[in-house]
N, C-alpha and C. Protein backbone atom coordinates (compact mmCIF):
# COMPACT_ATOMS: atom_id res chain seq x y z
N MET A 1 73.59 36.94 9.03
CA MET A 1 74.42 36.54 7.90
C MET A 1 73.71 35.39 7.18
N ASN A 2 73.56 35.55 5.87
CA ASN A 2 72.90 34.48 5.12
C ASN A 2 73.89 33.39 4.74
N LYS A 3 73.37 32.32 4.16
CA LYS A 3 74.18 31.15 3.83
C LYS A 3 75.31 31.48 2.84
N ALA A 4 75.03 32.30 1.83
CA ALA A 4 76.04 32.68 0.84
C ALA A 4 77.17 33.46 1.49
N ASP A 5 76.80 34.40 2.38
CA ASP A 5 77.83 35.21 3.06
C ASP A 5 78.71 34.34 3.95
N SER A 6 78.11 33.36 4.64
CA SER A 6 78.91 32.51 5.51
C SER A 6 79.85 31.63 4.68
N GLY A 7 79.41 31.21 3.49
CA GLY A 7 80.28 30.42 2.61
C GLY A 7 81.46 31.24 2.11
N ILE A 8 81.20 32.50 1.78
CA ILE A 8 82.27 33.40 1.33
C ILE A 8 83.26 33.64 2.46
N GLU A 9 82.75 33.86 3.67
CA GLU A 9 83.64 34.07 4.82
C GLU A 9 84.47 32.83 5.13
N ARG A 10 83.85 31.67 5.01
CA ARG A 10 84.58 30.42 5.25
C ARG A 10 85.71 30.26 4.24
N GLN A 11 85.41 30.55 2.96
CA GLN A 11 86.43 30.46 1.91
C GLN A 11 87.54 31.48 2.14
N ARG A 12 87.15 32.68 2.54
CA ARG A 12 88.13 33.75 2.82
C ARG A 12 89.06 33.35 3.95
N SER A 13 88.49 32.75 4.99
CA SER A 13 89.30 32.28 6.12
C SER A 13 90.23 31.15 5.69
N LYS A 14 89.70 30.25 4.88
CA LYS A 14 90.48 29.10 4.40
C LYS A 14 91.67 29.56 3.54
N ASN A 15 91.48 30.66 2.80
CA ASN A 15 92.52 31.16 1.89
C ASN A 15 93.35 32.30 2.49
N ARG A 16 93.24 32.50 3.78
CA ARG A 16 94.06 33.53 4.46
C ARG A 16 95.53 33.15 4.35
N ILE A 17 96.37 34.13 4.16
CA ILE A 17 97.80 33.85 4.00
C ILE A 17 98.49 33.81 5.36
N ASN A 18 98.36 34.88 6.11
CA ASN A 18 98.89 34.92 7.48
C ASN A 18 98.16 36.04 8.22
N ASP A 19 98.59 36.34 9.44
CA ASP A 19 97.89 37.34 10.24
C ASP A 19 98.06 38.76 9.69
N SER A 20 99.13 39.01 8.96
CA SER A 20 99.34 40.35 8.42
C SER A 20 98.80 40.52 7.00
N ILE A 21 98.58 39.43 6.29
CA ILE A 21 98.01 39.50 4.93
C ILE A 21 96.69 38.75 4.93
N ILE A 22 95.63 39.47 5.19
CA ILE A 22 94.31 38.86 5.22
C ILE A 22 93.58 39.15 3.91
N ASP A 23 93.71 40.37 3.43
CA ASP A 23 93.05 40.78 2.19
C ASP A 23 94.04 40.66 1.03
N HIS A 24 93.64 39.95 0.00
CA HIS A 24 94.51 39.77 -1.17
C HIS A 24 93.63 39.52 -2.39
N PRO A 25 94.21 39.65 -3.59
CA PRO A 25 93.41 39.51 -4.81
C PRO A 25 93.34 38.09 -5.36
N PHE A 26 93.94 37.13 -4.70
CA PHE A 26 94.11 35.81 -5.29
C PHE A 26 92.90 34.90 -5.08
N THR A 27 92.49 34.26 -6.16
CA THR A 27 91.42 33.26 -6.10
C THR A 27 91.95 31.88 -6.45
N ASP A 28 93.06 31.82 -7.16
CA ASP A 28 93.71 30.54 -7.49
C ASP A 28 94.57 30.14 -6.30
N TYR A 29 94.35 28.94 -5.77
CA TYR A 29 95.09 28.51 -4.58
C TYR A 29 96.60 28.44 -4.82
N TRP A 30 97.02 28.23 -6.03
CA TRP A 30 98.46 28.20 -6.31
C TRP A 30 99.12 29.50 -5.87
N ASP A 31 98.52 30.63 -6.17
CA ASP A 31 99.09 31.92 -5.78
C ASP A 31 99.15 32.07 -4.26
N ILE A 32 98.11 31.64 -3.59
CA ILE A 32 98.07 31.69 -2.12
C ILE A 32 99.15 30.77 -1.56
N PHE A 33 99.26 29.59 -2.12
CA PHE A 33 100.26 28.61 -1.71
C PHE A 33 101.68 29.20 -1.85
N VAL A 34 101.95 29.85 -2.97
CA VAL A 34 103.27 30.43 -3.21
C VAL A 34 103.59 31.48 -2.15
N LEU A 35 102.62 32.31 -1.81
CA LEU A 35 102.86 33.33 -0.79
C LEU A 35 103.14 32.72 0.58
N LYS A 36 102.64 31.53 0.83
CA LYS A 36 102.87 30.84 2.10
C LYS A 36 104.16 30.04 2.11
N HIS A 37 104.80 29.93 0.94
CA HIS A 37 106.00 29.09 0.81
C HIS A 37 107.09 29.87 0.08
N GLN A 38 107.75 30.77 0.81
CA GLN A 38 108.81 31.57 0.22
C GLN A 38 110.16 31.38 0.89
N ASN A 39 110.15 30.98 2.14
CA ASN A 39 111.39 30.78 2.88
C ASN A 39 112.09 29.51 2.37
N SER A 40 113.36 29.63 2.04
CA SER A 40 114.07 28.49 1.44
C SER A 40 114.15 27.28 2.37
N TYR A 41 114.22 27.49 3.68
CA TYR A 41 114.26 26.35 4.60
C TYR A 41 112.89 25.66 4.66
N ASN A 42 111.83 26.45 4.66
CA ASN A 42 110.49 25.88 4.63
C ASN A 42 110.27 25.10 3.34
N ILE A 43 110.70 25.67 2.24
CA ILE A 43 110.57 24.99 0.94
C ILE A 43 111.36 23.68 0.96
N ALA A 44 112.57 23.71 1.52
CA ALA A 44 113.41 22.51 1.59
C ALA A 44 112.72 21.41 2.41
N LEU A 45 112.08 21.79 3.52
CA LEU A 45 111.39 20.78 4.32
C LEU A 45 110.17 20.23 3.59
N HIS A 46 109.46 21.08 2.85
CA HIS A 46 108.34 20.59 2.05
C HIS A 46 108.84 19.66 0.94
N PHE A 47 109.95 20.02 0.35
CA PHE A 47 110.59 19.20 -0.68
C PHE A 47 110.91 17.82 -0.09
N LEU A 48 111.50 17.82 1.11
CA LEU A 48 111.80 16.57 1.80
C LEU A 48 110.52 15.79 2.09
N GLY A 49 109.46 16.48 2.48
CA GLY A 49 108.18 15.83 2.74
C GLY A 49 107.63 15.12 1.51
N VAL A 50 107.77 15.74 0.35
CA VAL A 50 107.31 15.12 -0.91
C VAL A 50 108.14 13.86 -1.19
N ILE A 51 109.45 13.96 -0.99
CA ILE A 51 110.31 12.80 -1.20
C ILE A 51 109.96 11.67 -0.24
N ILE A 52 109.71 12.00 1.01
CA ILE A 52 109.31 10.99 2.00
C ILE A 52 108.00 10.33 1.57
N PHE A 53 107.03 11.13 1.15
CA PHE A 53 105.71 10.61 0.76
C PHE A 53 105.85 9.59 -0.37
N TYR A 54 106.46 10.02 -1.47
CA TYR A 54 106.56 9.12 -2.62
C TYR A 54 107.55 7.98 -2.36
N GLY A 55 108.59 8.25 -1.58
CA GLY A 55 109.53 7.19 -1.23
C GLY A 55 108.86 6.09 -0.43
N LEU A 56 108.01 6.47 0.51
CA LEU A 56 107.28 5.47 1.29
C LEU A 56 106.31 4.66 0.43
N LEU A 57 105.65 5.34 -0.52
CA LEU A 57 104.75 4.61 -1.42
C LEU A 57 105.50 3.55 -2.22
N VAL A 58 106.64 3.96 -2.77
CA VAL A 58 107.44 3.04 -3.58
C VAL A 58 108.00 1.92 -2.69
N PHE A 59 108.55 2.29 -1.55
CA PHE A 59 109.14 1.31 -0.66
C PHE A 59 108.10 0.30 -0.18
N ALA A 60 106.91 0.76 0.16
CA ALA A 60 105.83 -0.14 0.60
C ALA A 60 105.43 -1.09 -0.53
N ALA A 61 105.38 -0.58 -1.76
CA ALA A 61 105.02 -1.44 -2.91
C ALA A 61 106.10 -2.47 -3.18
N VAL A 62 107.36 -2.03 -3.19
CA VAL A 62 108.48 -2.95 -3.46
C VAL A 62 108.59 -4.00 -2.35
N ALA A 63 108.43 -3.57 -1.10
CA ALA A 63 108.55 -4.49 0.04
C ALA A 63 107.26 -5.28 0.25
N ARG A 64 106.21 -4.90 -0.49
CA ARG A 64 104.89 -5.54 -0.34
C ARG A 64 104.46 -5.54 1.13
N ASN A 65 104.63 -4.36 1.73
CA ASN A 65 104.31 -4.20 3.14
C ASN A 65 103.45 -2.94 3.31
N GLY A 66 102.13 -3.15 3.34
CA GLY A 66 101.20 -2.03 3.48
C GLY A 66 101.31 -1.31 4.81
N TRP A 67 101.89 -1.95 5.81
CA TRP A 67 102.05 -1.31 7.11
C TRP A 67 102.95 -0.09 7.03
N LEU A 68 103.83 -0.06 6.07
CA LEU A 68 104.73 1.09 5.93
C LEU A 68 103.96 2.38 5.60
N LEU A 69 102.77 2.22 5.04
CA LEU A 69 101.95 3.39 4.71
C LEU A 69 101.49 4.15 5.95
N LEU A 70 101.60 3.50 7.10
CA LEU A 70 101.26 4.19 8.35
C LEU A 70 102.23 5.34 8.64
N PHE A 71 103.37 5.34 7.97
CA PHE A 71 104.34 6.42 8.16
C PHE A 71 104.11 7.61 7.23
N LEU A 72 103.12 7.53 6.35
CA LEU A 72 102.85 8.63 5.41
C LEU A 72 102.61 9.98 6.11
N PRO A 73 101.93 10.02 7.26
CA PRO A 73 101.74 11.32 7.92
C PRO A 73 103.05 12.02 8.29
N LEU A 74 104.14 11.27 8.32
CA LEU A 74 105.45 11.88 8.58
C LEU A 74 105.74 12.98 7.55
N SER A 75 105.29 12.78 6.32
CA SER A 75 105.54 13.79 5.28
C SER A 75 104.81 15.10 5.61
N GLN A 76 103.59 15.01 6.15
CA GLN A 76 102.88 16.22 6.55
C GLN A 76 103.54 16.87 7.75
N VAL A 77 104.02 16.07 8.68
CA VAL A 77 104.67 16.61 9.87
C VAL A 77 105.91 17.41 9.48
N VAL A 78 106.68 16.90 8.53
CA VAL A 78 107.88 17.61 8.07
C VAL A 78 107.50 18.98 7.51
N GLY A 79 106.43 19.05 6.72
CA GLY A 79 105.98 20.33 6.17
C GLY A 79 105.49 21.28 7.26
N LEU A 80 104.76 20.76 8.23
CA LEU A 80 104.27 21.60 9.32
C LEU A 80 105.41 22.13 10.18
N VAL A 81 106.45 21.32 10.36
CA VAL A 81 107.63 21.78 11.09
C VAL A 81 108.28 22.95 10.34
N GLY A 82 108.30 22.86 9.02
CA GLY A 82 108.84 23.96 8.21
C GLY A 82 108.09 25.25 8.46
N HIS A 83 106.78 25.17 8.53
CA HIS A 83 105.99 26.38 8.81
C HIS A 83 106.21 26.85 10.23
N PHE A 84 106.27 25.94 11.17
CA PHE A 84 106.45 26.31 12.57
C PHE A 84 107.80 26.99 12.81
N LEU A 85 108.85 26.46 12.21
CA LEU A 85 110.20 26.98 12.45
C LEU A 85 110.57 28.17 11.57
N PHE A 86 110.11 28.19 10.32
CA PHE A 86 110.67 29.15 9.37
C PHE A 86 109.68 30.11 8.72
N GLU A 87 108.43 29.73 8.63
CA GLU A 87 107.50 30.58 7.88
C GLU A 87 106.09 30.39 8.43
N ARG A 88 105.78 31.18 9.44
CA ARG A 88 104.46 31.08 10.06
C ARG A 88 103.42 31.63 9.09
N SER A 89 102.45 30.82 8.78
CA SER A 89 101.35 31.24 7.92
C SER A 89 100.11 30.46 8.32
N HIS A 90 98.98 30.92 7.84
CA HIS A 90 97.73 30.23 8.13
C HIS A 90 97.74 28.87 7.45
N ILE A 91 97.50 27.83 8.21
CA ILE A 91 97.41 26.48 7.65
C ILE A 91 95.99 25.99 7.90
N ASP A 92 95.27 25.78 6.84
CA ASP A 92 93.92 25.25 6.94
C ASP A 92 94.03 23.80 7.42
N LEU A 93 93.23 23.42 8.40
CA LEU A 93 93.30 22.08 8.96
C LEU A 93 93.11 21.00 7.89
N GLN A 94 92.18 21.23 6.98
CA GLN A 94 91.95 20.25 5.89
C GLN A 94 93.22 20.08 5.06
N ASP A 95 93.90 21.18 4.75
CA ASP A 95 95.14 21.10 3.96
C ASP A 95 96.26 20.42 4.74
N ALA A 96 96.29 20.63 6.06
CA ALA A 96 97.34 20.02 6.89
C ALA A 96 97.20 18.50 6.94
N VAL A 97 95.96 18.02 6.97
CA VAL A 97 95.73 16.58 7.02
C VAL A 97 95.84 16.00 5.61
N PHE A 98 94.97 16.44 4.71
CA PHE A 98 95.05 16.06 3.30
C PHE A 98 94.00 16.84 2.52
N SER A 99 94.43 17.40 1.42
CA SER A 99 93.49 17.98 0.46
C SER A 99 94.13 17.87 -0.92
N PHE A 100 93.29 17.71 -1.92
CA PHE A 100 93.81 17.63 -3.28
C PHE A 100 94.47 18.93 -3.69
N ARG A 101 93.92 20.07 -3.23
CA ARG A 101 94.49 21.35 -3.63
C ARG A 101 95.91 21.51 -3.06
N ALA A 102 96.11 21.12 -1.81
CA ALA A 102 97.45 21.23 -1.22
C ALA A 102 98.40 20.22 -1.87
N SER A 103 97.94 19.01 -2.10
CA SER A 103 98.79 17.99 -2.73
C SER A 103 99.19 18.40 -4.13
N ARG A 104 98.23 18.93 -4.88
CA ARG A 104 98.52 19.40 -6.24
C ARG A 104 99.57 20.51 -6.21
N CYS A 105 99.43 21.43 -5.26
CA CYS A 105 100.38 22.54 -5.17
C CYS A 105 101.75 22.08 -4.69
N LEU A 106 101.80 21.13 -3.76
CA LEU A 106 103.09 20.59 -3.32
C LEU A 106 103.83 19.94 -4.47
N ASN A 107 103.11 19.14 -5.26
CA ASN A 107 103.73 18.50 -6.42
C ASN A 107 104.20 19.55 -7.43
N ARG A 108 103.37 20.55 -7.66
CA ARG A 108 103.74 21.61 -8.60
C ARG A 108 104.98 22.36 -8.11
N MET A 109 105.02 22.67 -6.80
CA MET A 109 106.18 23.35 -6.24
C MET A 109 107.44 22.48 -6.42
N PHE A 110 107.30 21.19 -6.14
CA PHE A 110 108.42 20.26 -6.28
C PHE A 110 109.02 20.36 -7.69
N PHE A 111 108.17 20.29 -8.71
CA PHE A 111 108.67 20.34 -10.09
C PHE A 111 109.14 21.73 -10.49
N ARG A 112 108.50 22.77 -9.97
CA ARG A 112 108.94 24.14 -10.28
C ARG A 112 110.31 24.41 -9.64
N VAL A 113 110.54 23.88 -8.44
CA VAL A 113 111.85 24.04 -7.78
C VAL A 113 112.91 23.29 -8.58
N ILE A 114 112.62 22.04 -8.96
CA ILE A 114 113.57 21.23 -9.72
C ILE A 114 113.95 21.91 -11.03
N THR A 115 112.97 22.53 -11.69
CA THR A 115 113.24 23.16 -12.99
C THR A 115 113.72 24.60 -12.87
N GLY A 116 113.84 25.09 -11.63
CA GLY A 116 114.36 26.44 -11.41
C GLY A 116 113.36 27.55 -11.72
N ARG A 117 112.09 27.22 -11.78
CA ARG A 117 111.09 28.24 -12.13
C ARG A 117 110.26 28.71 -10.95
N TYR A 118 110.48 28.16 -9.78
CA TYR A 118 109.67 28.55 -8.62
C TYR A 118 109.93 30.00 -8.21
N GLY A 119 111.15 30.46 -8.37
CA GLY A 119 111.47 31.86 -8.05
C GLY A 119 110.63 32.83 -8.87
N GLU A 120 110.34 32.48 -10.12
CA GLU A 120 109.46 33.31 -10.96
C GLU A 120 108.08 33.43 -10.34
N ASP A 121 107.58 32.31 -9.82
CA ASP A 121 106.25 32.31 -9.20
C ASP A 121 106.23 33.21 -7.96
N VAL A 122 107.29 33.13 -7.16
CA VAL A 122 107.39 33.95 -5.96
C VAL A 122 107.42 35.43 -6.34
N ARG A 123 108.24 35.79 -7.31
CA ARG A 123 108.32 37.20 -7.74
C ARG A 123 106.99 37.69 -8.29
N ARG A 124 106.35 36.87 -9.12
CA ARG A 124 105.08 37.27 -9.73
C ARG A 124 103.99 37.49 -8.68
N THR A 125 103.85 36.56 -7.73
CA THR A 125 102.79 36.70 -6.73
C THR A 125 103.07 37.87 -5.79
N ASN A 126 104.33 38.07 -5.44
CA ASN A 126 104.66 39.21 -4.59
C ASN A 126 104.39 40.54 -5.29
N GLU A 127 104.70 40.61 -6.57
CA GLU A 127 104.44 41.83 -7.34
C GLU A 127 102.93 42.09 -7.45
N THR A 128 102.16 41.04 -7.72
CA THR A 128 100.70 41.18 -7.81
C THR A 128 100.13 41.64 -6.47
N LEU A 129 100.61 41.07 -5.38
CA LEU A 129 100.15 41.47 -4.05
C LEU A 129 100.53 42.91 -3.77
N ARG A 130 101.76 43.30 -4.09
CA ARG A 130 102.23 44.67 -3.86
C ARG A 130 101.37 45.67 -4.63
N GLU A 131 101.09 45.38 -5.89
CA GLU A 131 100.24 46.26 -6.71
C GLU A 131 98.84 46.37 -6.12
N TYR A 132 98.29 45.25 -5.69
CA TYR A 132 96.96 45.23 -5.08
C TYR A 132 96.94 46.10 -3.82
N GLN A 133 97.95 45.94 -2.97
CA GLN A 133 98.00 46.70 -1.72
C GLN A 133 98.18 48.18 -1.98
N LEU A 134 98.97 48.54 -2.99
CA LEU A 134 99.14 49.96 -3.34
C LEU A 134 97.84 50.56 -3.88
N THR A 135 97.13 49.80 -4.69
CA THR A 135 95.86 50.26 -5.24
C THR A 135 94.84 50.44 -4.11
N ARG A 136 94.78 49.48 -3.18
CA ARG A 136 93.84 49.57 -2.06
C ARG A 136 94.18 50.75 -1.15
N ALA A 137 95.47 51.01 -0.96
CA ALA A 137 95.90 52.10 -0.08
C ALA A 137 95.60 53.47 -0.69
N SER A 138 95.60 53.55 -2.01
CA SER A 138 95.37 54.84 -2.66
C SER A 138 93.88 55.19 -2.76
N HIS A 139 93.00 54.24 -2.46
CA HIS A 139 91.56 54.52 -2.54
C HIS A 139 91.01 54.96 -1.23
């Protein structure tokens, strides 16, 4: 396996959705993220995780106590519990600890849920996946 092939395989593994959905048409992480976050209880725990994260930042700034930032990993733990209890999916270790792509998507999900548009994203990605799977099955 050459270097380019190993990079493609690494990216493919990183973007895996779960054990039953390995092959998919998505290259934008937002679509992959949406497929991993469809259960309402999992979404609620991620929502809570975002509130904890920003709440701790604000509280630490107002209290002028940087030690409170040591509790920031609690927000990731809440999200991981959501996946463990309600929606088992592949979690890339980098995303579980911290990544800009996961943080960007969590914030986007937070605002899409608040504005009532997240359901559209779930329907759209599921339809795209369904069409892709039907096309692959017919070949």
